[in-house]
PDB file of all heavy atoms in Angstrom:
ATOM      1  N   GLU A   1      83.202 175.656 -55.300  1.00  0.00           N
ATOM      2  CA  GLU A   1      84.341 174.806 -55.486  1.00  0.00           C
ATOM      3  C   GLU A   1      84.373 174.164 -56.902  1.00  0.00           C
ATOM      4  O   GLU A   1      85.256 173.319 -57.191  1.00  0.00           O
ATOM      5  CB  GLU A   1      84.355 173.701 -54.377  1.00  0.00           C
ATOM      6  CG  GLU A   1      84.528 174.270 -52.974  1.00  0.00           C
ATOM      7  CD  GLU A   1      84.307 173.130 -51.965  1.00  0.00           C
ATOM      8  OE1 GLU A   1      84.140 171.921 -52.328  1.00  0.00           O
ATOM      9  OE2 GLU A   1      84.485 173.477 -50.755  1.00  0.00           O
ATOM     10  N   LYS A   2      83.382 174.480 -57.736  1.00  0.00           N
ATOM     11  CA  LYS A   2      83.302 174.018 -59.057  1.00  0.00           C
ATOM     12  C   LYS A   2      83.097 172.479 -59.133  1.00  0.00           C
ATOM     13  O   LYS A   2      83.515 171.807 -60.076  1.00  0.00           O
ATOM     14  CB  LYS A   2      84.468 174.429 -59.925  1.00  0.00           C
ATOM     15  CG  LYS A   2      84.575 175.907 -60.009  1.00  0.00           C
ATOM     16  CD  LYS A   2      85.747 176.415 -60.949  1.00  0.00           C
ATOM     17  CE  LYS A   2      85.780 177.895 -61.087  1.00  0.00           C
ATOM     18  NZ  LYS A   2      86.940 178.305 -62.018  1.00  0.00           N
ATOM     19  N   LYS A   3      82.488 171.933 -58.126  1.00  0.00           N
ATOM     20  CA  LYS A   3      82.203 170.479 -58.117  1.00  0.00           C
ATOM     21  C   LYS A   3      80.902 170.232 -58.797  1.00  0.00           C
ATOM     22  O   LYS A   3      80.599 169.084 -59.256  1.00  0.00           O
ATOM     23  CB  LYS A   3      82.180 169.992 -56.667  1.00  0.00           C
ATOM     24  CG  LYS A   3      83.546 170.042 -56.084  1.00  0.00           C
ATOM     25  CD  LYS A   3      83.510 169.419 -54.608  1.00  0.00           C
ATOM     26  CE  LYS A   3      84.969 169.416 -54.016  1.00  0.00           C
ATOM     27  NZ  LYS A   3      85.005 168.812 -52.663  1.00  0.00           N
ATOM     28  N   ILE A   4      79.950 171.166 -58.786  1.00  0.00           N
ATOM     29  CA  ILE A   4      78.658 171.042 -59.557  1.00  0.00           C
ATOM     30  C   ILE A   4      78.526 172.349 -60.249  1.00  0.00           C
ATOM     31  O   ILE A   4      79.056 173.407 -59.930  1.00  0.00           O
ATOM     32  CB  ILE A   4      77.424 170.728 -58.641  1.00  0.00           C
ATOM     33  CG1 ILE A   4      77.246 171.913 -57.693  1.00  0.00           C
ATOM     34  CG2 ILE A   4      77.689 169.392 -57.975  1.00  0.00           C
ATOM     35  CD1 ILE A   4      75.955 171.697 -56.815  1.00  0.00           C
ATOM     36  N   LYS A   5      77.671 172.275 -61.293  1.00  0.00           N
ATOM     37  CA  LYS A   5      77.322 173.562 -62.081  1.00  0.00           C
ATOM     38  C   LYS A   5      76.149 174.324 -61.372  1.00  0.00           C
ATOM     39  O   LYS A   5      75.362 173.713 -60.785  1.00  0.00           O
ATOM     40  CB  LYS A   5      76.935 173.182 -63.521  1.00  0.00           C
ATOM     41  CG  LYS A   5      78.000 172.550 -64.321  1.00  0.00           C
ATOM     42  CD  LYS A   5      77.530 172.293 -65.708  1.00  0.00           C
ATOM     43  CE  LYS A   5      78.625 171.626 -66.555  1.00  0.00           C
ATOM     44  NZ  LYS A   5      78.095 171.298 -67.953  1.00  0.00           N
ATOM     45  N   LYS A   6      76.257 175.653 -61.463  1.00  0.00           N
ATOM     46  CA  LYS A   6      75.168 176.434 -60.943  1.00  0.00           C
ATOM     47  C   LYS A   6      73.982 176.227 -61.789  1.00  0.00           C
ATOM     48  O   LYS A   6      73.997 176.353 -63.009  1.00  0.00           O
ATOM     49  CB  LYS A   6      75.550 177.965 -60.942  1.00  0.00           C
ATOM     50  CG  LYS A   6      74.557 178.857 -60.306  1.00  0.00           C
ATOM     51  CD  LYS A   6      75.086 180.291 -60.212  1.00  0.00           C
ATOM     52  CE  LYS A   6      74.024 181.174 -59.514  1.00  0.00           C
ATOM     53  NZ  LYS A   6      74.468 182.559 -59.409  1.00  0.00           N
ATOM     54  N   GLN A   7      72.838 175.966 -61.078  1.00  0.00           N
ATOM     55  CA  GLN A   7      71.628 175.712 -61.898  1.00  0.00           C
ATOM     56  C   GLN A   7      70.681 176.924 -61.851  1.00  0.00           C
ATOM     57  O   GLN A   7      70.765 177.752 -60.946  1.00  0.00           O
ATOM     58  CB  GLN A   7      70.875 174.437 -61.250  1.00  0.00           C
ATOM     59  CG  GLN A   7      70.361 174.663 -59.873  1.00  0.00           C
ATOM     60  CD  GLN A   7      69.648 173.454 -59.319  1.00  0.00           C
ATOM     61  OE1 GLN A   7      70.015 172.378 -59.579  1.00  0.00           O
ATOM     62  NE2 GLN A   7      68.590 173.709 -58.561  1.00  0.00           N
ATOM     63  N   GLU A   8      69.864 176.982 -62.855  1.00  0.00           N
ATOM     64  CA  GLU A   8      68.817 178.038 -62.903  1.00  0.00           C
ATOM     65  C   GLU A   8      67.861 177.847 -61.752  1.00  0.00           C
ATOM     66  O   GLU A   8      67.472 176.690 -61.484  1.00  0.00           O
ATOM     67  CB  GLU A   8      68.078 177.980 -64.201  1.00  0.00           C
ATOM     68  CG  GLU A   8      68.967 178.361 -65.434  1.00  0.00           C
ATOM     69  CD  GLU A   8      69.433 179.841 -65.398  1.00  0.00           C
ATOM     70  OE1 GLU A   8      68.661 180.637 -64.923  1.00  0.00           O
ATOM     71  OE2 GLU A   8      70.524 180.111 -65.795  1.00  0.00           O
ATOM     72  N   PRO A   9      67.404 178.890 -61.093  1.00  0.00           N
ATOM     73  CA  PRO A   9      66.453 178.706 -59.986  1.00  0.00           C
ATOM     74  C   PRO A   9      65.173 178.120 -60.512  1.00  0.00           C
ATOM     75  O   PRO A   9      64.666 178.460 -61.550  1.00  0.00           O
ATOM     76  CB  PRO A   9      66.218 180.214 -59.529  1.00  0.00           C
ATOM     77  CG  PRO A   9      67.383 180.953 -60.081  1.00  0.00           C
ATOM     78  CD  PRO A   9      67.847 180.326 -61.292  1.00  0.00           C
ATOM     79  N   LEU A  10      64.695 177.095 -59.734  1.00  0.00           N
ATOM     80  CA  LEU A  10      63.517 176.366 -60.058  1.00  0.00           C
ATOM     81  C   LEU A  10      62.303 177.186 -59.504  1.00  0.00           C
ATOM     82  O   LEU A  10      62.334 177.835 -58.505  1.00  0.00           O
ATOM     83  CB  LEU A  10      63.506 175.035 -59.484  1.00  0.00           C
ATOM     84  CG  LEU A  10      64.566 174.087 -60.054  1.00  0.00           C
ATOM     85  CD1 LEU A  10      64.725 172.761 -59.250  1.00  0.00           C
ATOM     86  CD2 LEU A  10      64.385 173.742 -61.524  1.00  0.00           C
ATOM     87  N   ALA A  11      61.184 177.108 -60.267  1.00  0.00           N
ATOM     88  CA  ALA A  11      59.982 177.788 -59.973  1.00  0.00           C
ATOM     89  C   ALA A  11      59.456 177.390 -58.491  1.00  0.00           C
ATOM     90  O   ALA A  11      59.651 176.252 -58.144  1.00  0.00           O
ATOM     91  CB  ALA A  11      58.871 177.518 -60.982  1.00  0.00           C
ATOM     92  N   GLU A  12      58.956 178.368 -57.842  1.00  0.00           N
ATOM     93  CA  GLU A  12      58.358 178.065 -56.504  1.00  0.00           C
ATOM     94  C   GLU A  12      57.131 177.210 -56.695  1.00  0.00           C
ATOM     95  O   GLU A  12      56.438 177.206 -57.699  1.00  0.00           O
ATOM     96  CB  GLU A  12      57.975 179.420 -55.873  1.00  0.00           C
ATOM     97  CG  GLU A  12      59.050 180.371 -55.529  1.00  0.00           C
ATOM     98  CD  GLU A  12      59.790 179.803 -54.292  1.00  0.00           C
ATOM     99  OE1 GLU A  12      59.240 179.092 -53.458  1.00  0.00           O
ATOM    100  OE2 GLU A  12      61.041 180.104 -54.185  1.00  0.00           O
ATOM    101  N   ILE A  13      56.871 176.410 -55.686  1.00  0.00           N
ATOM    102  CA  ILE A  13      55.662 175.508 -55.757  1.00  0.00           C
ATOM    103  C   ILE A  13      54.409 176.356 -55.472  1.00  0.00           C
ATOM    104  O   ILE A  13      54.316 176.920 -54.339  1.00  0.00           O
ATOM    105  CB  ILE A  13      55.769 174.330 -54.705  1.00  0.00           C
ATOM    106  CG1 ILE A  13      57.096 173.576 -55.020  1.00  0.00           C
ATOM    107  CG2 ILE A  13      54.567 173.447 -54.757  1.00  0.00           C
ATOM    108  CD1 ILE A  13      57.422 172.546 -53.960  1.00  0.00           C
ATOM    109  N   ALA A  14      53.489 176.385 -56.410  1.00  0.00           N
ATOM    110  CA  ALA A  14      52.296 177.145 -56.229  1.00  0.00           C
ATOM    111  C   ALA A  14      51.326 176.424 -55.211  1.00  0.00           C
ATOM    112  O   ALA A  14      51.436 175.254 -55.043  1.00  0.00           O
ATOM    113  CB  ALA A  14      51.558 177.336 -57.557  1.00  0.00           C
ATOM    114  N   GLU A  15      50.441 177.188 -54.567  1.00  0.00           N
ATOM    115  CA  GLU A  15      49.545 176.586 -53.602  1.00  0.00           C
ATOM    116  C   GLU A  15      48.647 175.480 -54.200  1.00  0.00           C
ATOM    117  O   GLU A  15      48.376 174.492 -53.533  1.00  0.00           O
ATOM    118  CB  GLU A  15      48.673 177.679 -52.964  1.00  0.00           C
ATOM    119  CG  GLU A  15      49.423 178.555 -51.962  1.00  0.00           C
ATOM    120  CD  GLU A  15      50.037 177.788 -50.774  1.00  0.00           C
ATOM    121  OE1 GLU A  15      49.271 176.875 -50.276  1.00  0.00           O
ATOM    122  OE2 GLU A  15      51.065 178.072 -50.390  1.00  0.00           O
ATOM    123  N   ASP A  16      48.214 175.691 -55.451  1.00  0.00           N
ATOM    124  CA  ASP A  16      47.402 174.675 -56.025  1.00  0.00           C
ATOM    125  C   ASP A  16      48.102 173.498 -56.498  1.00  0.00           C
ATOM    126  O   ASP A  16      47.497 172.503 -56.994  1.00  0.00           O
ATOM    127  CB  ASP A  16      46.593 175.292 -57.253  1.00  0.00           C
ATOM    128  CG  ASP A  16      47.510 175.856 -58.296  1.00  0.00           C
ATOM    129  OD1 ASP A  16      48.776 175.827 -58.098  1.00  0.00           O
ATOM    130  OD2 ASP A  16      47.025 176.284 -59.373  1.00  0.00           O
ATOM    131  N   GLU A  17      49.442 173.435 -56.422  1.00  0.00           N
ATOM    132  CA  GLU A  17      50.264 172.320 -56.787  1.00  0.00           C
ATOM    133  C   GLU A  17      50.522 171.439 -55.524  1.00  0.00           C
ATOM    134  O   GLU A  17      51.098 170.338 -55.643  1.00  0.00           O
ATOM    135  CB  GLU A  17      51.667 172.767 -57.348  1.00  0.00           C
ATOM    136  CG  GLU A  17      51.459 173.387 -58.672  1.00  0.00           C
ATOM    137  CD  GLU A  17      52.878 173.781 -59.253  1.00  0.00           C
ATOM    138  OE1 GLU A  17      53.646 174.481 -58.509  1.00  0.00           O
ATOM    139  OE2 GLU A  17      53.186 173.374 -60.412  1.00  0.00           O
ATOM    140  N   LYS A  18      50.148 171.986 -54.367  1.00  0.00           N
ATOM    141  CA  LYS A  18      50.313 171.195 -53.101  1.00  0.00           C
ATOM    142  C   LYS A  18      49.174 170.324 -52.853  1.00  0.00           C
ATOM    143  O   LYS A  18      48.113 170.792 -52.520  1.00  0.00           O
ATOM    144  CB  LYS A  18      50.655 172.156 -51.939  1.00  0.00           C
ATOM    145  CG  LYS A  18      51.829 173.059 -52.156  1.00  0.00           C
ATOM    146  CD  LYS A  18      51.958 174.096 -51.011  1.00  0.00           C
ATOM    147  CE  LYS A  18      53.132 175.029 -51.241  1.00  0.00           C
ATOM    148  NZ  LYS A  18      53.263 176.091 -50.238  1.00  0.00           N
ATOM    149  N   PRO A  19      49.326 168.983 -53.058  1.00  0.00           N
ATOM    150  CA  PRO A  19      48.089 168.131 -53.122  1.00  0.00           C
ATOM    151  C   PRO A  19      47.527 167.775 -51.680  1.00  0.00           C
ATOM    152  O   PRO A  19      46.415 167.321 -51.615  1.00  0.00           O
ATOM    153  CB  PRO A  19      48.681 166.857 -53.721  1.00  0.00           C
ATOM    154  CG  PRO A  19      50.138 166.840 -53.417  1.00  0.00           C
ATOM    155  CD  PRO A  19      50.584 168.241 -53.356  1.00  0.00           C
ATOM    156  N   PHE A  20      48.228 167.997 -50.632  1.00  0.00           N
ATOM    157  CA  PHE A  20      47.759 167.744 -49.280  1.00  0.00           C
ATOM    158  C   PHE A  20      48.430 168.588 -48.257  1.00  0.00           C
ATOM    159  O   PHE A  20      49.495 169.122 -48.538  1.00  0.00           O
ATOM    160  CB  PHE A  20      47.919 166.256 -48.919  1.00  0.00           C
ATOM    161  CG  PHE A  20      49.332 165.689 -49.077  1.00  0.00           C
ATOM    162  CD1 PHE A  20      50.219 165.826 -48.098  1.00  0.00           C
ATOM    163  CD2 PHE A  20      49.669 165.092 -50.314  1.00  0.00           C
ATOM    164  CE1 PHE A  20      51.531 165.299 -48.250  1.00  0.00           C
ATOM    165  CE2 PHE A  20      50.956 164.539 -50.414  1.00  0.00           C
ATOM    166  CZ  PHE A  20      51.844 164.664 -49.416  1.00  0.00           C
ATOM    167  N   GLU A  21      47.821 168.643 -47.059  1.00  0.00           N
ATOM    168  CA  GLU A  21      48.400 169.486 -45.998  1.00  0.00           C
ATOM    169  C   GLU A  21      49.514 168.733 -45.318  1.00  0.00           C
ATOM    170  O   GLU A  21      49.368 167.523 -45.049  1.00  0.00           O
ATOM    171  CB  GLU A  21      47.236 169.778 -44.981  1.00  0.00           C
ATOM    172  CG  GLU A  21      47.667 170.824 -43.907  1.00  0.00           C
ATOM    173  CD  GLU A  21      46.562 171.142 -43.024  1.00  0.00           C
ATOM    174  OE1 GLU A  21      45.378 170.865 -43.359  1.00  0.00           O
ATOM    175  OE2 GLU A  21      46.874 171.781 -41.917  1.00  0.00           O
ATOM    176  N   LEU A  22      50.560 169.414 -44.996  1.00  0.00           N
ATOM    177  CA  LEU A  22      51.753 168.809 -44.445  1.00  0.00           C
ATOM    178  C   LEU A  22      51.606 168.745 -42.902  1.00  0.00           C
ATOM    179  O   LEU A  22      51.064 169.581 -42.285  1.00  0.00           O
ATOM    180  CB  LEU A  22      53.033 169.545 -44.775  1.00  0.00           C
ATOM    181  CG  LEU A  22      53.473 169.470 -46.283  1.00  0.00           C
ATOM    182  CD1 LEU A  22      54.705 170.331 -46.457  1.00  0.00           C
ATOM    183  CD2 LEU A  22      53.667 168.051 -46.726  1.00  0.00           C
ATOM    184  N   PRO A  23      52.210 167.741 -42.314  1.00  0.00           N
ATOM    185  CA  PRO A  23      52.357 167.684 -40.828  1.00  0.00           C
ATOM    186  C   PRO A  23      53.227 168.788 -40.353  1.00  0.00           C
ATOM    187  O   PRO A  23      54.021 169.315 -41.123  1.00  0.00           O
ATOM    188  CB  PRO A  23      52.944 166.302 -40.569  1.00  0.00           C
ATOM    189  CG  PRO A  23      52.776 165.493 -41.774  1.00  0.00           C
ATOM    190  CD  PRO A  23      52.729 166.472 -42.971  1.00  0.00           C
ATOM    191  N   LYS A  24      53.156 169.126 -39.142  1.00  0.00           N
ATOM    192  CA  LYS A  24      53.952 170.101 -38.546  1.00  0.00           C
ATOM    193  C   LYS A  24      55.462 169.746 -38.678  1.00  0.00           C
ATOM    194  O   LYS A  24      55.855 168.614 -38.346  1.00  0.00           O
ATOM    195  CB  LYS A  24      53.629 170.414 -37.100  1.00  0.00           C
ATOM    196  CG  LYS A  24      54.345 171.617 -36.455  1.00  0.00           C
ATOM    197  CD  LYS A  24      53.825 171.825 -35.051  1.00  0.00           C
ATOM    198  CE  LYS A  24      54.631 173.047 -34.410  1.00  0.00           C
ATOM    199  NZ  LYS A  24      54.123 173.298 -33.078  1.00  0.00           N
ATOM    200  N   GLY A  25      56.293 170.705 -39.080  1.00  0.00           N
ATOM    201  CA  GLY A  25      57.713 170.429 -39.221  1.00  0.00           C
ATOM    202  C   GLY A  25      58.183 169.933 -40.539  1.00  0.00           C
ATOM    203  O   GLY A  25      59.378 169.875 -40.876  1.00  0.00           O
ATOM    204  N   TRP A  26      57.175 169.686 -41.487  1.00  0.00           N
ATOM    205  CA  TRP A  26      57.505 169.257 -42.853  1.00  0.00           C
ATOM    206  C   TRP A  26      57.545 170.502 -43.745  1.00  0.00           C
ATOM    207  O   TRP A  26      56.926 171.523 -43.412  1.00  0.00           O
ATOM    208  CB  TRP A  26      56.464 168.299 -43.343  1.00  0.00           C
ATOM    209  CG  TRP A  26      56.512 166.911 -42.721  1.00  0.00           C
ATOM    210  CD1 TRP A  26      56.595 166.609 -41.432  1.00  0.00           C
ATOM    211  CD2 TRP A  26      56.478 165.646 -43.416  1.00  0.00           C
ATOM    212  NE1 TRP A  26      56.626 165.280 -41.183  1.00  0.00           N
ATOM    213  CE2 TRP A  26      56.557 164.648 -42.440  1.00  0.00           C
ATOM    214  CE3 TRP A  26      56.378 165.322 -44.719  1.00  0.00           C
ATOM    215  CZ2 TRP A  26      56.439 163.270 -42.795  1.00  0.00           C
ATOM    216  CZ3 TRP A  26      56.352 163.909 -45.111  1.00  0.00           C
ATOM    217  CH2 TRP A  26      56.372 162.984 -44.150  1.00  0.00           C
ATOM    218  N   GLU A  27      58.153 170.367 -44.929  1.00  0.00           N
ATOM    219  CA  GLU A  27      58.217 171.450 -45.875  1.00  0.00           C
ATOM    220  C   GLU A  27      58.117 170.866 -47.369  1.00  0.00           C
ATOM    221  O   GLU A  27      58.614 169.758 -47.643  1.00  0.00           O
ATOM    222  CB  GLU A  27      59.600 172.140 -45.785  1.00  0.00           C
ATOM    223  CG  GLU A  27      59.775 173.005 -44.515  1.00  0.00           C
ATOM    224  CD  GLU A  27      58.907 174.230 -44.460  1.00  0.00           C
ATOM    225  OE1 GLU A  27      58.468 174.662 -45.543  1.00  0.00           O
ATOM    226  OE2 GLU A  27      58.745 174.752 -43.306  1.00  0.00           O
ATOM    227  N   TRP A  28      57.462 171.582 -48.195  1.00  0.00           N
ATOM    228  CA  TRP A  28      57.410 171.302 -49.579  1.00  0.00           C
ATOM    229  C   TRP A  28      58.661 171.763 -50.303  1.00  0.00           C
ATOM    230  O   TRP A  28      59.100 172.843 -50.014  1.00  0.00           O
ATOM    231  CB  TRP A  28      56.187 171.946 -50.310  1.00  0.00           C
ATOM    232  CG  TRP A  28      54.850 171.337 -50.051  1.00  0.00           C
ATOM    233  CD1 TRP A  28      53.835 171.811 -49.289  1.00  0.00           C
ATOM    234  CD2 TRP A  28      54.449 169.999 -50.403  1.00  0.00           C
ATOM    235  NE1 TRP A  28      52.800 170.961 -49.185  1.00  0.00           N
ATOM    236  CE2 TRP A  28      53.152 169.857 -49.905  1.00  0.00           C
ATOM    237  CE3 TRP A  28      54.995 168.980 -51.165  1.00  0.00           C
ATOM    238  CZ2 TRP A  28      52.428 168.669 -50.111  1.00  0.00           C
ATOM    239  CZ3 TRP A  28      54.259 167.801 -51.425  1.00  0.00           C
ATOM    240  CH2 TRP A  28      52.993 167.658 -50.875  1.00  0.00           C
ATOM    241  N   GLN A  29      59.269 170.980 -51.203  1.00  0.00           N
ATOM    242  CA  GLN A  29      60.365 171.414 -51.934  1.00  0.00           C
ATOM    243  C   GLN A  29      60.500 170.541 -53.256  1.00  0.00           C
ATOM    244  O   GLN A  29      59.954 169.410 -53.253  1.00  0.00           O
ATOM    245  CB  GLN A  29      61.665 171.285 -51.232  1.00  0.00           C
ATOM    246  CG  GLN A  29      62.870 171.924 -51.827  1.00  0.00           C
ATOM    247  CD  GLN A  29      62.758 173.269 -52.312  1.00  0.00           C
ATOM    248  OE1 GLN A  29      62.224 173.575 -53.400  1.00  0.00           O
ATOM    249  NE2 GLN A  29      63.094 174.234 -51.495  1.00  0.00           N
ATOM    250  N   VAL A  30      61.041 171.017 -54.262  1.00  0.00           N
ATOM    251  CA  VAL A  30      61.224 170.256 -55.515  1.00  0.00           C
ATOM    252  C   VAL A  30      62.529 169.454 -55.370  1.00  0.00           C
ATOM    253  O   VAL A  30      63.439 169.845 -54.731  1.00  0.00           O
ATOM    254  CB  VAL A  30      61.198 171.105 -56.768  1.00  0.00           C
ATOM    255  CG1 VAL A  30      59.867 171.765 -57.020  1.00  0.00           C
ATOM    256  CG2 VAL A  30      62.316 172.174 -56.696  1.00  0.00           C
ATOM    257  N   LEU A  31      62.504 168.255 -56.071  1.00  0.00           N
ATOM    258  CA  LEU A  31      63.658 167.326 -55.951  1.00  0.00           C
ATOM    259  C   LEU A  31      64.943 168.032 -56.402  1.00  0.00           C
ATOM    260  O   LEU A  31      65.984 167.789 -55.793  1.00  0.00           O
ATOM    261  CB  LEU A  31      63.278 166.101 -56.831  1.00  0.00           C
ATOM    262  CG  LEU A  31      64.345 164.964 -56.729  1.00  0.00           C
ATOM    263  CD1 LEU A  31      64.413 164.423 -55.334  1.00  0.00           C
ATOM    264  CD2 LEU A  31      63.961 163.865 -57.760  1.00  0.00           C
ATOM    265  N   GLY A  32      64.868 168.876 -57.449  1.00  0.00           N
ATOM    266  CA  GLY A  32      66.081 169.444 -57.946  1.00  0.00           C
ATOM    267  C   GLY A  32      66.769 170.339 -56.988  1.00  0.00           C
ATOM    268  O   GLY A  32      67.952 170.659 -57.042  1.00  0.00           O
ATOM    269  N   ASN A  33      66.004 170.860 -55.927  1.00  0.00           N
ATOM    270  CA  ASN A  33      66.575 171.702 -54.936  1.00  0.00           C
ATOM    271  C   ASN A  33      67.083 170.927 -53.691  1.00  0.00           C
ATOM    272  O   ASN A  33      67.800 171.466 -52.886  1.00  0.00           O
ATOM    273  CB  ASN A  33      65.555 172.750 -54.400  1.00  0.00           C
ATOM    274  CG  ASN A  33      65.451 173.918 -55.452  1.00  0.00           C
ATOM    275  OD1 ASN A  33      66.283 174.072 -56.256  1.00  0.00           O
ATOM    276  ND2 ASN A  33      64.270 174.603 -55.328  1.00  0.00           N
ATOM    277  N   LEU A  34      66.667 169.651 -53.698  1.00  0.00           N
ATOM    278  CA  LEU A  34      67.066 168.835 -52.544  1.00  0.00           C
ATOM    279  C   LEU A  34      68.290 167.959 -52.871  1.00  0.00           C
ATOM    280  O   LEU A  34      69.108 167.653 -51.930  1.00  0.00           O
ATOM    281  CB  LEU A  34      65.948 167.847 -52.182  1.00  0.00           C
ATOM    282  CG  LEU A  34      64.621 168.436 -51.589  1.00  0.00           C
ATOM    283  CD1 LEU A  34      63.556 167.400 -51.396  1.00  0.00           C
ATOM    284  CD2 LEU A  34      64.953 169.133 -50.303  1.00  0.00           C
ATOM    285  N   CYS A  35      68.470 167.601 -54.133  1.00  0.00           N
ATOM    286  CA  CYS A  35      69.564 166.740 -54.532  1.00  0.00           C
ATOM    287  C   CYS A  35      70.283 167.283 -55.752  1.00  0.00           C
ATOM    288  O   CYS A  35      69.799 168.216 -56.403  1.00  0.00           O
ATOM    289  CB  CYS A  35      68.981 165.347 -54.828  1.00  0.00           C
ATOM    290  SG  CYS A  35      68.020 164.623 -53.569  1.00  0.00           S
ATOM    291  N   VAL A  36      71.455 166.651 -56.070  1.00  0.00           N
ATOM    292  CA  VAL A  36      72.065 166.927 -57.295  1.00  0.00           C
ATOM    293  C   VAL A  36      71.720 165.846 -58.325  1.00  0.00           C
ATOM    294  O   VAL A  36      71.801 164.584 -57.991  1.00  0.00           O
ATOM    295  CB  VAL A  36      73.584 166.956 -57.095  1.00  0.00           C
ATOM    296  CG1 VAL A  36      74.323 167.073 -58.412  1.00  0.00           C
ATOM    297  CG2 VAL A  36      73.997 168.114 -56.095  1.00  0.00           C
ATOM    298  N   LEU A  37      71.298 166.211 -59.503  1.00  0.00           N
ATOM    299  CA  LEU A  37      70.938 165.224 -60.526  1.00  0.00           C
ATOM    300  C   LEU A  37      72.025 165.287 -61.609  1.00  0.00           C
ATOM    301  O   LEU A  37      72.358 166.346 -62.079  1.00  0.00           O
ATOM    302  CB  LEU A  37      69.585 165.587 -61.129  1.00  0.00           C
ATOM    303  CG  LEU A  37      68.379 165.664 -60.195  1.00  0.00           C
ATOM    304  CD1 LEU A  37      67.086 165.972 -60.973  1.00  0.00           C
ATOM    305  CD2 LEU A  37      68.250 164.436 -59.337  1.00  0.00           C
ATOM    306  N   GLU A  38      72.525 164.107 -61.937  1.00  0.00           N
ATOM    307  CA  GLU A  38      73.636 164.042 -62.926  1.00  0.00           C
ATOM    308  C   GLU A  38      73.313 163.030 -64.020  1.00  0.00           C
ATOM    309  O   GLU A  38      73.186 161.832 -63.682  1.00  0.00           O
ATOM    310  CB  GLU A  38      74.924 163.735 -62.217  1.00  0.00           C
ATOM    311  CG  GLU A  38      76.123 163.724 -63.153  1.00  0.00           C
ATOM    312  CD  GLU A  38      77.440 163.439 -62.402  1.00  0.00           C
ATOM    313  OE1 GLU A  38      77.533 163.796 -61.202  1.00  0.00           O
ATOM    314  OE2 GLU A  38      78.331 162.865 -63.001  1.00  0.00           O
ATOM    315  N   ASN A  39      73.323 163.430 -65.289  1.00  0.00           N
ATOM    316  CA  ASN A  39      73.148 162.513 -66.356  1.00  0.00           C
ATOM    317  C   ASN A  39      74.449 161.810 -66.705  1.00  0.00           C
ATOM    318  O   ASN A  39      75.517 162.154 -66.239  1.00  0.00           O
ATOM    319  CB  ASN A  39      72.736 163.299 -67.675  1.00  0.00           C
ATOM    320  CG  ASN A  39      71.275 163.709 -67.660  1.00  0.00           C
ATOM    321  OD1 ASN A  39      70.429 162.827 -67.353  1.00  0.00           O
ATOM    322  ND2 ASN A  39      70.952 164.910 -67.893  1.00  0.00           N
ATOM    323  N   GLY A  40      74.368 160.752 -67.484  1.00  0.00           N
ATOM    324  CA  GLY A  40      75.508 160.036 -67.953  1.00  0.00           C
ATOM    325  C   GLY A  40      76.213 160.858 -69.060  1.00  0.00           C
ATOM    326  O   GLY A  40      75.673 161.823 -69.615  1.00  0.00           O
ATOM    327  N   ASP A  41      77.483 160.483 -69.350  1.00  0.00           N
ATOM    328  CA  ASP A  41      78.229 161.170 -70.399  1.00  0.00           C
ATOM    329  C   ASP A  41      77.629 160.765 -71.758  1.00  0.00           C
ATOM    330  O   ASP A  41      77.626 159.604 -72.115  1.00  0.00           O
ATOM    331  CB  ASP A  41      79.695 160.795 -70.252  1.00  0.00           C
ATOM    332  CG  ASP A  41      80.588 161.601 -71.251  1.00  0.00           C
ATOM    333  OD1 ASP A  41      80.037 162.157 -72.183  1.00  0.00           O
ATOM    334  OD2 ASP A  41      81.750 161.732 -70.897  1.00  0.00           O
ATOM    335  N   ARG A  42      77.103 161.702 -72.524  1.00  0.00           N
ATOM    336  CA  ARG A  42      76.471 161.457 -73.805  1.00  0.00           C
ATOM    337  C   ARG A  42      77.324 161.943 -74.962  1.00  0.00           C
ATOM    338  O   ARG A  42      76.836 162.104 -76.053  1.00  0.00           O
ATOM    339  CB  ARG A  42      75.051 162.074 -73.843  1.00  0.00           C
ATOM    340  CG  ARG A  42      74.181 161.455 -72.736  1.00  0.00           C
ATOM    341  CD  ARG A  42      72.836 162.165 -72.750  1.00  0.00           C
ATOM    342  NE  ARG A  42      72.001 161.585 -71.631  1.00  0.00           N
ATOM    343  CZ  ARG A  42      70.733 162.021 -71.343  1.00  0.00           C
ATOM    344  NH1 ARG A  42      70.261 163.076 -72.008  1.00  0.00           N
ATOM    345  NH2 ARG A  42      70.110 161.464 -70.353  1.00  0.00           N
ATOM    346  N   SER A  43      78.670 162.182 -74.680  1.00  0.00           N
ATOM    347  CA  SER A  43      79.536 162.718 -75.725  1.00  0.00           C
ATOM    348  C   SER A  43      80.127 161.398 -76.444  1.00  0.00           C
ATOM    349  O   SER A  43      79.692 160.277 -76.299  1.00  0.00           O
ATOM    350  CB  SER A  43      80.650 163.472 -75.121  1.00  0.00           C
ATOM    351  OG  SER A  43      81.457 162.645 -74.405  1.00  0.00           O
ATOM    352  N   LYS A  44      81.144 161.786 -77.264  1.00  0.00           N
ATOM    353  CA  LYS A  44      81.769 160.657 -78.024  1.00  0.00           C
ATOM    354  C   LYS A  44      82.463 159.665 -77.055  1.00  0.00           C
ATOM    355  O   LYS A  44      82.852 158.563 -77.583  1.00  0.00           O
ATOM    356  CB  LYS A  44      82.801 161.294 -78.959  1.00  0.00           C
ATOM    357  CG  LYS A  44      83.973 162.005 -78.260  1.00  0.00           C
ATOM    358  CD  LYS A  44      84.954 162.580 -79.235  1.00  0.00           C
ATOM    359  CE  LYS A  44      86.095 163.281 -78.512  1.00  0.00           C
ATOM    360  NZ  LYS A  44      87.042 163.878 -79.417  1.00  0.00           N
TER     361      LYS A  44
END
């Protein structure tokens, strides 16, 4: 719907980047895949 820009796929989380074991039903994910991040207007 062109409400957000298509973003480049973010790298998968490597096993050695997971600092602890998750409870059942939880999942690891990066913030950029969970939410939309929007900067302020930095133009003129």
